[in-house]
Protein backbone atom coordinates (compact mmCIF):
# COMPACT_ATOMS: atom_id res chain seq x y z
CA ARG A 1 21.19 -0.19 20.30
CA PHE A 2 17.72 -0.29 18.79
CA ASP A 3 17.15 3.49 18.91
CA ALA A 4 20.36 4.16 16.99
CA PHE A 5 19.49 1.50 14.41
CA GLU A 6 16.01 2.93 13.93
CA GLU A 7 17.32 6.49 13.61
CA GLU A 8 19.93 5.35 11.07
CA ALA A 9 17.27 3.64 8.98
CA VAL A 10 14.98 6.68 9.01
CA VAL A 11 17.78 9.12 8.23
CA GLY A 12 19.11 6.79 5.54
CA LEU A 13 15.78 6.70 3.76
CA ASP A 14 15.49 10.48 3.72
CA ASP A 15 19.15 11.10 2.83
CA GLU A 16 19.19 8.61 -0.03
CA ASP A 17 15.68 9.17 -1.36
CA ASP A 18 16.10 9.71 -5.08
CA GLY A 19 12.36 9.67 -5.69
CA ASP A 20 12.27 5.99 -6.63
CA GLY A 21 11.49 4.74 -3.13
CA PRO A 22 8.18 3.85 -1.55
CA ARG A 23 7.05 7.46 -1.83
CA GLY A 24 7.18 7.25 -5.61
CA GLY A 25 9.20 9.22 -8.07
CA ALA A 26 9.43 10.74 -11.49
CA SER A 27 11.84 8.20 -13.00
CA GLY A 28 9.28 5.39 -12.90
CA ALA A 29 11.77 2.87 -11.50
CA LYS A 30 10.18 0.16 -9.37
CA TRP A 31 11.26 0.09 -5.72
CA ASP A 32 12.16 -3.38 -4.43
CA GLN A 33 11.93 -3.59 -0.63
CA PHE A 34 13.70 -6.95 -0.55
CA ALA A 35 16.70 -5.73 -2.55
CA GLU A 36 16.84 -2.59 -0.41
CA ASN A 37 16.79 -4.60 2.85
CA LYS A 38 19.58 -6.82 1.53
CA ARG A 39 21.66 -3.82 0.41
CA ARG A 40 21.19 -1.80 3.61
CA PHE A 41 20.95 -4.42 6.33
CA GLY A 42 22.16 -7.71 4.85
CA VAL A 43 18.71 -9.27 5.29
CA VAL A 44 17.85 -11.95 2.75
CA SER A 45 14.17 -12.78 2.37
CA SER A 46 12.65 -16.08 1.42
CA PHE A 47 9.34 -14.46 0.46
CA ASN A 48 7.41 -16.35 -2.19
CA GLU A 49 4.09 -14.78 -3.22
CA GLU A 50 2.66 -18.15 -4.22
CA GLU A 51 2.77 -19.26 -0.57
CA TYR A 52 0.26 -16.51 0.30
CA THR A 53 -2.08 -16.39 -2.65
CA THR A 54 -3.42 -18.47 -5.50
CA LYS A 55 -1.70 -17.95 -8.82
CA LEU A 56 -4.15 -16.84 -11.50
CA ASN A 57 -4.34 -18.85 -14.68
CA THR A 58 -4.63 -16.09 -17.27
CA LYS A 59 -4.91 -18.71 -20.03
CA ASP A 60 -8.15 -20.10 -18.60
CA PRO A 61 -11.00 -19.44 -21.08
CA ARG A 62 -13.07 -17.99 -18.21
CA TYR A 63 -10.33 -15.58 -17.09
CA ALA A 64 -11.43 -12.56 -19.17
CA GLU A 65 -15.05 -12.83 -18.01
CA ARG A 66 -14.00 -13.27 -14.38
CA ALA A 67 -11.67 -10.25 -14.60
CA ARG A 68 -14.48 -8.11 -16.07
CA ARG A 69 -16.85 -9.28 -13.30
CA ALA A 70 -14.26 -8.53 -10.61
CA ALA A 71 -13.70 -5.03 -12.00
CA ALA A 72 -17.46 -4.40 -12.10
CA LEU A 73 -17.86 -5.57 -8.48
CA ALA A 74 -14.95 -3.39 -7.35
CA ALA A 75 -16.46 -0.35 -9.07
CA GLU A 76 -19.84 -1.07 -7.48
CA ILE A 77 -18.29 -1.35 -4.02
CA GLU A 78 -16.26 1.84 -4.45
CA ARG A 79 -19.33 3.80 -5.59
CA GLY A 80 -21.29 2.74 -2.52
CA GLU A 81 -21.90 4.97 0.46
CA SER A 82 -20.03 4.43 3.71
CA SER A 83 -20.32 5.92 7.18
CA ASN A 84 -16.64 5.15 7.93
CA VAL A 85 -14.65 8.38 7.81
CA HIS A 86 -11.50 6.66 6.49
CA VAL A 87 -13.37 4.88 3.69
CA ARG A 88 -15.10 8.15 2.80
CA MET A 89 -11.72 9.90 2.58
CA GLU A 90 -10.28 7.15 0.33
CA ARG A 91 -13.25 7.47 -1.99
CA GLY A 92 -13.09 11.27 -2.11
CA MET A 93 -16.53 11.63 -0.50
CA GLU A 94 -17.63 14.68 1.45
CA GLN A 95 -16.89 14.46 5.16
CA GLU A 96 -19.62 14.97 7.74
CA HIS A 97 -17.19 16.42 10.31
CA ASP A 98 -13.92 18.34 10.16
CA TYR A 99 -11.65 16.01 12.17
CA ASP A 100 -8.11 16.95 13.15
CA GLU A 101 -5.26 14.46 12.68
CA GLU A 102 -5.46 13.26 16.30
CA ALA A 103 -9.11 12.37 15.89
CA LEU A 104 -8.52 10.72 12.50
CA TYR A 105 -5.42 8.68 13.24
CA GLY A 106 -4.93 8.59 17.00
CA ALA A 107 -8.38 8.04 18.40
CA VAL A 108 -11.38 5.81 17.91
CA ILE A 109 -14.25 7.70 16.30
CA SER A 110 -17.69 6.55 15.35
């Protein structure tokens, strides 16, 4: 049954959480979702990152300059103002309204 499976997975994560899971932890060990899915559920993934993105050539002479430019653009974007409440929260900006969780995550707000 699906409900039992879902409950088992949720309980299993909480019961076995040693702090190294997706919630982070003090040991600094990296959590591997693919290894965990194989261990818990016998699911083997064929995920290959290169099928979804372009591999960066860090040896390209232009790489350092492009990386600096990308970091500068990211910083500029993150400093910018936004009227979106979720973006404002991510950037640590002051909120215009005091929304409750239902308004923030369960409803459409403008």
